[in-house]
Amino acid sequence: MTLEELRSKLMESTGLPVAYRSFEVDKSPSTPFIVYYVVQRDDERADDVVFAKNSAVNVELYFDKKDLSLENRLESFFDDVGIIYNVYEEAIEEEKMMFRTYEFDLMED
């Protein structure tokens, strides 16, 4: 799966606005929304050729009110496409919102 495919499938499975890294300042949606980004890329190479792109990706679900059904939809999407993830949740007190981060490796070939 490519990053662009990930973006469109996240939108399709959750119905939420999705952006790479951040939304434009004047176009920032209200919560809930999703941002995703590459943390690190570690391509697999042989004979001076990249044969597989391996990206460590974070998908962050931002919300102001806990919604277990939304989290279940997102996690079902990951399960359905075979993405194995780690998850943690944090609060942003000054913004009165929280975010839940899903960390995983995305292999493109």
N, C-alpha and C. Protein backbone atom coordinates (compact mmCIF):
# COMPACT_ATOMS: atom_id res chain seq x y z
N MET A 1 0.85 -1.17 0.00
CA MET A 1 0.00 0.00 0.00
C MET A 1 0.90 1.24 0.00
N THR A 2 0.57 2.21 -0.83
CA THR A 2 1.31 3.47 -0.87
C THR A 2 0.74 4.44 0.17
N LEU A 3 1.46 5.51 0.42
CA LEU A 3 0.95 6.53 1.35
C LEU A 3 -0.35 7.15 0.85
N GLU A 4 -0.44 7.37 -0.46
CA GLU A 4 -1.67 7.94 -1.01
C GLU A 4 -2.84 6.97 -0.86
N GLU A 5 -2.60 5.68 -1.05
CA GLU A 5 -3.65 4.68 -0.84
C GLU A 5 -4.05 4.64 0.63
N LEU A 6 -3.07 4.75 1.52
CA LEU A 6 -3.37 4.80 2.96
C LEU A 6 -4.30 5.97 3.26
N ARG A 7 -3.97 7.13 2.73
CA ARG A 7 -4.79 8.33 2.96
C ARG A 7 -6.24 8.10 2.49
N SER A 8 -6.41 7.64 1.28
CA SER A 8 -7.77 7.48 0.76
C SER A 8 -8.53 6.40 1.52
N LYS A 9 -7.86 5.32 1.92
CA LYS A 9 -8.53 4.25 2.66
C LYS A 9 -8.87 4.69 4.08
N LEU A 10 -8.04 5.53 4.68
CA LEU A 10 -8.37 6.09 6.00
C LEU A 10 -9.64 6.94 5.91
N MET A 11 -9.71 7.78 4.87
CA MET A 11 -10.90 8.62 4.68
C MET A 11 -12.13 7.76 4.44
N GLU A 12 -11.98 6.75 3.61
CA GLU A 12 -13.10 5.87 3.26
C GLU A 12 -13.61 5.09 4.48
N SER A 13 -12.69 4.57 5.27
CA SER A 13 -13.10 3.71 6.39
C SER A 13 -13.62 4.49 7.59
N THR A 14 -13.19 5.74 7.75
CA THR A 14 -13.63 6.52 8.92
C THR A 14 -14.60 7.64 8.59
N GLY A 15 -14.57 8.13 7.35
CA GLY A 15 -15.39 9.28 6.98
C GLY A 15 -14.85 10.60 7.53
N LEU A 16 -13.61 10.58 8.02
CA LEU A 16 -13.03 11.78 8.63
C LEU A 16 -12.11 12.51 7.67
N PRO A 17 -11.88 13.82 7.91
CA PRO A 17 -10.85 14.53 7.16
C PRO A 17 -9.48 13.94 7.50
N VAL A 18 -8.64 13.80 6.47
CA VAL A 18 -7.31 13.22 6.65
C VAL A 18 -6.30 14.09 5.92
N ALA A 19 -5.16 14.37 6.59
CA ALA A 19 -4.11 15.18 5.97
C ALA A 19 -2.75 14.61 6.31
N TYR A 20 -1.80 14.86 5.41
CA TYR A 20 -0.42 14.49 5.70
C TYR A 20 0.20 15.57 6.56
N ARG A 21 0.68 15.21 7.71
CA ARG A 21 1.37 16.04 8.71
C ARG A 21 0.46 17.08 9.37
N SER A 22 -0.23 17.91 8.60
CA SER A 22 -1.12 18.92 9.20
C SER A 22 -2.07 19.45 8.14
N PHE A 23 -3.11 20.12 8.60
CA PHE A 23 -4.04 20.81 7.70
C PHE A 23 -3.56 22.24 7.52
N GLU A 24 -3.95 22.86 6.43
CA GLU A 24 -3.64 24.27 6.25
C GLU A 24 -4.31 25.06 7.36
N VAL A 25 -3.67 26.13 7.80
CA VAL A 25 -4.13 26.88 8.98
C VAL A 25 -5.58 27.32 8.83
N ASP A 26 -5.95 27.87 7.72
CA ASP A 26 -7.31 28.38 7.55
C ASP A 26 -8.31 27.29 7.15
N LYS A 27 -7.81 26.04 6.96
CA LYS A 27 -8.69 24.95 6.55
C LYS A 27 -8.70 23.81 7.57
N SER A 28 -8.32 24.11 8.79
CA SER A 28 -8.27 23.09 9.83
C SER A 28 -9.68 22.69 10.24
N PRO A 29 -10.00 21.39 10.18
CA PRO A 29 -11.35 20.94 10.52
C PRO A 29 -11.54 20.86 12.03
N SER A 30 -12.78 20.76 12.44
CA SER A 30 -13.05 20.50 13.85
C SER A 30 -12.81 19.01 14.11
N THR A 31 -12.66 18.66 15.37
CA THR A 31 -12.42 17.26 15.71
C THR A 31 -13.71 16.45 15.51
N PRO A 32 -13.59 15.19 15.23
CA PRO A 32 -12.38 14.40 15.06
C PRO A 32 -11.80 14.53 13.66
N PHE A 33 -10.48 14.32 13.57
CA PHE A 33 -9.79 14.30 12.29
C PHE A 33 -8.54 13.45 12.44
N ILE A 34 -7.91 13.15 11.30
CA ILE A 34 -6.73 12.30 11.28
C ILE A 34 -5.59 13.00 10.56
N VAL A 35 -4.39 12.89 11.12
CA VAL A 35 -3.17 13.25 10.39
C VAL A 35 -2.26 12.02 10.39
N TYR A 36 -1.49 11.90 9.33
CA TYR A 36 -0.54 10.80 9.23
C TYR A 36 0.76 11.34 8.68
N TYR A 37 1.87 10.67 8.99
CA TYR A 37 3.16 11.12 8.51
C TYR A 37 4.19 10.01 8.65
N VAL A 38 5.25 10.15 7.86
CA VAL A 38 6.37 9.20 7.91
C VAL A 38 7.34 9.68 8.97
N VAL A 39 7.67 8.79 9.89
CA VAL A 39 8.63 9.08 10.95
C VAL A 39 10.04 8.78 10.46
N GLN A 40 10.18 7.68 9.76
CA GLN A 40 11.49 7.25 9.27
C GLN A 40 11.27 6.33 8.09
N ARG A 41 12.21 6.35 7.16
CA ARG A 41 12.12 5.45 6.02
C ARG A 41 13.39 4.60 5.96
N ASP A 42 13.22 3.32 5.86
CA ASP A 42 14.33 2.38 5.84
C ASP A 42 14.10 1.43 4.67
N ASP A 43 14.54 1.85 3.49
CA ASP A 43 14.30 1.05 2.28
C ASP A 43 15.17 -0.21 2.28
N GLU A 44 14.65 -1.24 1.64
CA GLU A 44 15.41 -2.47 1.48
C GLU A 44 16.07 -2.42 0.11
N ARG A 45 17.38 -2.67 0.11
CA ARG A 45 18.17 -2.54 -1.11
C ARG A 45 18.96 -3.82 -1.36
N ALA A 46 19.26 -4.01 -2.64
CA ALA A 46 20.16 -5.08 -3.05
C ALA A 46 20.74 -4.70 -4.41
N ASP A 47 22.00 -4.91 -4.56
CA ASP A 47 22.66 -4.60 -5.84
C ASP A 47 22.42 -3.17 -6.27
N ASP A 48 22.50 -2.24 -5.32
CA ASP A 48 22.32 -0.80 -5.57
C ASP A 48 20.94 -0.44 -6.12
N VAL A 49 19.94 -1.25 -5.79
CA VAL A 49 18.57 -1.00 -6.24
C VAL A 49 17.64 -1.10 -5.04
N VAL A 50 16.73 -0.13 -4.90
CA VAL A 50 15.70 -0.20 -3.86
C VAL A 50 14.61 -1.11 -4.39
N PHE A 51 14.36 -2.20 -3.67
CA PHE A 51 13.31 -3.12 -4.13
C PHE A 51 12.08 -3.08 -3.24
N ALA A 52 12.17 -2.41 -2.09
CA ALA A 52 10.99 -2.25 -1.25
C ALA A 52 11.16 -1.01 -0.39
N LYS A 53 10.15 -0.18 -0.37
CA LYS A 53 10.15 1.01 0.48
C LYS A 53 9.47 0.65 1.79
N ASN A 54 10.18 0.88 2.88
CA ASN A 54 9.64 0.56 4.20
C ASN A 54 9.61 1.85 5.02
N SER A 55 8.42 2.33 5.33
CA SER A 55 8.26 3.57 6.07
C SER A 55 7.65 3.30 7.44
N ALA A 56 8.24 3.88 8.47
CA ALA A 56 7.61 3.89 9.79
C ALA A 56 6.61 5.04 9.78
N VAL A 57 5.34 4.72 9.98
CA VAL A 57 4.26 5.70 9.83
C VAL A 57 3.52 5.87 11.15
N ASN A 58 3.15 7.10 11.43
CA ASN A 58 2.24 7.40 12.54
C ASN A 58 0.92 7.89 11.97
N VAL A 59 -0.17 7.37 12.47
CA VAL A 59 -1.51 7.87 12.17
C VAL A 59 -2.06 8.38 13.50
N GLU A 60 -2.45 9.65 13.53
CA GLU A 60 -2.95 10.25 14.77
C GLU A 60 -4.42 10.63 14.60
N LEU A 61 -5.23 10.11 15.50
CA LEU A 61 -6.66 10.42 15.54
C LEU A 61 -6.87 11.47 16.63
N TYR A 62 -7.29 12.67 16.24
CA TYR A 62 -7.53 13.77 17.19
C TYR A 62 -9.02 13.85 17.50
N PHE A 63 -9.33 14.06 18.78
CA PHE A 63 -10.73 14.13 19.20
C PHE A 63 -10.84 14.93 20.48
N ASP A 64 -12.03 15.46 20.72
CA ASP A 64 -12.27 16.14 21.99
C ASP A 64 -13.18 15.33 22.91
N LYS A 65 -13.78 14.30 22.34
CA LYS A 65 -14.64 13.41 23.11
C LYS A 65 -14.35 11.97 22.69
N LYS A 66 -14.09 11.12 23.66
CA LYS A 66 -13.76 9.72 23.39
C LYS A 66 -14.91 9.05 22.62
N ASP A 67 -14.56 8.37 21.53
CA ASP A 67 -15.54 7.70 20.68
C ASP A 67 -15.02 6.30 20.37
N LEU A 68 -15.41 5.34 21.17
CA LEU A 68 -14.91 3.98 21.01
C LEU A 68 -15.32 3.37 19.68
N SER A 69 -16.49 3.70 19.16
CA SER A 69 -16.91 3.14 17.87
C SER A 69 -16.01 3.66 16.74
N LEU A 70 -15.59 4.92 16.81
CA LEU A 70 -14.67 5.46 15.81
C LEU A 70 -13.31 4.77 15.91
N GLU A 71 -12.82 4.60 17.12
CA GLU A 71 -11.55 3.89 17.31
C GLU A 71 -11.66 2.46 16.78
N ASN A 72 -12.77 1.81 17.03
CA ASN A 72 -12.98 0.44 16.53
C ASN A 72 -13.01 0.39 15.01
N ARG A 73 -13.64 1.39 14.36
CA ARG A 73 -13.65 1.44 12.89
C ARG A 73 -12.23 1.57 12.35
N LEU A 74 -11.45 2.46 12.95
CA LEU A 74 -10.08 2.68 12.51
C LEU A 74 -9.25 1.41 12.73
N GLU A 75 -9.38 0.80 13.88
CA GLU A 75 -8.61 -0.40 14.18
C GLU A 75 -9.07 -1.58 13.32
N SER A 76 -10.34 -1.64 13.00
CA SER A 76 -10.84 -2.69 12.08
C SER A 76 -10.23 -2.52 10.70
N PHE A 77 -10.10 -1.27 10.25
CA PHE A 77 -9.45 -1.01 8.96
C PHE A 77 -8.02 -1.55 8.98
N PHE A 78 -7.25 -1.21 10.04
CA PHE A 78 -5.88 -1.72 10.14
C PHE A 78 -5.86 -3.24 10.14
N ASP A 79 -6.76 -3.85 10.90
CA ASP A 79 -6.83 -5.32 10.96
C ASP A 79 -7.15 -5.91 9.59
N ASP A 80 -8.11 -5.30 8.89
CA ASP A 80 -8.54 -5.82 7.59
C ASP A 80 -7.43 -5.79 6.54
N VAL A 81 -6.56 -4.78 6.60
CA VAL A 81 -5.48 -4.68 5.60
C VAL A 81 -4.17 -5.27 6.12
N GLY A 82 -4.20 -5.87 7.30
CA GLY A 82 -3.03 -6.56 7.82
C GLY A 82 -1.97 -5.67 8.42
N ILE A 83 -2.35 -4.49 8.90
CA ILE A 83 -1.39 -3.60 9.55
C ILE A 83 -1.34 -3.93 11.03
N ILE A 84 -0.14 -4.24 11.51
CA ILE A 84 0.07 -4.51 12.92
C ILE A 84 0.61 -3.22 13.54
N TYR A 85 -0.04 -2.73 14.57
CA TYR A 85 0.27 -1.41 15.09
C TYR A 85 0.47 -1.42 16.59
N ASN A 86 1.15 -0.39 17.07
CA ASN A 86 1.22 -0.06 18.48
C ASN A 86 0.38 1.19 18.66
N VAL A 87 -0.23 1.36 19.82
CA VAL A 87 -1.12 2.50 20.03
C VAL A 87 -0.86 3.12 21.40
N TYR A 88 -0.95 4.44 21.44
CA TYR A 88 -0.93 5.15 22.72
C TYR A 88 -1.78 6.42 22.58
N GLU A 89 -2.15 6.96 23.72
CA GLU A 89 -3.07 8.10 23.75
C GLU A 89 -2.51 9.19 24.66
N GLU A 90 -2.66 10.43 24.25
CA GLU A 90 -2.18 11.56 25.03
C GLU A 90 -3.20 12.69 24.99
N ALA A 91 -3.12 13.55 26.00
CA ALA A 91 -3.98 14.74 26.06
C ALA A 91 -3.17 15.97 25.69
N ILE A 92 -3.85 16.92 25.05
CA ILE A 92 -3.28 18.25 24.80
C ILE A 92 -4.14 19.21 25.62
N GLU A 93 -3.74 19.42 26.84
CA GLU A 93 -4.56 20.18 27.80
C GLU A 93 -4.92 21.57 27.29
N GLU A 94 -3.96 22.30 26.74
CA GLU A 94 -4.22 23.68 26.31
C GLU A 94 -5.20 23.76 25.14
N GLU A 95 -5.31 22.67 24.37
CA GLU A 95 -6.25 22.63 23.24
C GLU A 95 -7.57 21.94 23.63
N LYS A 96 -7.60 21.36 24.83
CA LYS A 96 -8.77 20.61 25.30
C LYS A 96 -9.16 19.51 24.31
N MET A 97 -8.12 18.78 23.90
CA MET A 97 -8.35 17.64 23.01
C MET A 97 -7.34 16.55 23.33
N MET A 98 -7.57 15.42 22.73
CA MET A 98 -6.68 14.28 22.90
C MET A 98 -6.31 13.75 21.52
N PHE A 99 -5.26 12.94 21.49
CA PHE A 99 -4.97 12.22 20.26
C PHE A 99 -4.50 10.82 20.58
N ARG A 100 -4.81 9.95 19.66
CA ARG A 100 -4.47 8.53 19.79
C ARG A 100 -3.56 8.23 18.60
N THR A 101 -2.35 7.76 18.89
CA THR A 101 -1.36 7.51 17.85
C THR A 101 -1.24 6.02 17.58
N TYR A 102 -1.29 5.68 16.30
CA TYR A 102 -1.07 4.32 15.83
C TYR A 102 0.26 4.32 15.08
N GLU A 103 1.20 3.52 15.55
CA GLU A 103 2.53 3.42 14.92
C GLU A 103 2.63 2.07 14.22
N PHE A 104 3.14 2.09 12.98
CA PHE A 104 3.31 0.84 12.24
C PHE A 104 4.27 1.04 11.10
N ASP A 105 4.70 -0.08 10.51
CA ASP A 105 5.54 -0.06 9.32
C ASP A 105 4.65 -0.27 8.10
N LEU A 106 4.92 0.51 7.08
CA LEU A 106 4.17 0.41 5.82
C LEU A 106 5.16 0.04 4.72
N MET A 107 4.96 -1.13 4.15
CA MET A 107 5.85 -1.63 3.11
C MET A 107 5.22 -1.38 1.75
N GLU A 108 5.93 -0.64 0.90
CA GLU A 108 5.50 -0.44 -0.48
C GLU A 108 6.41 -1.26 -1.38
N ASP A 109 5.83 -1.95 -2.35
CA ASP A 109 6.69 -2.66 -3.29
C ASP A 109 6.26 -2.42 -4.71
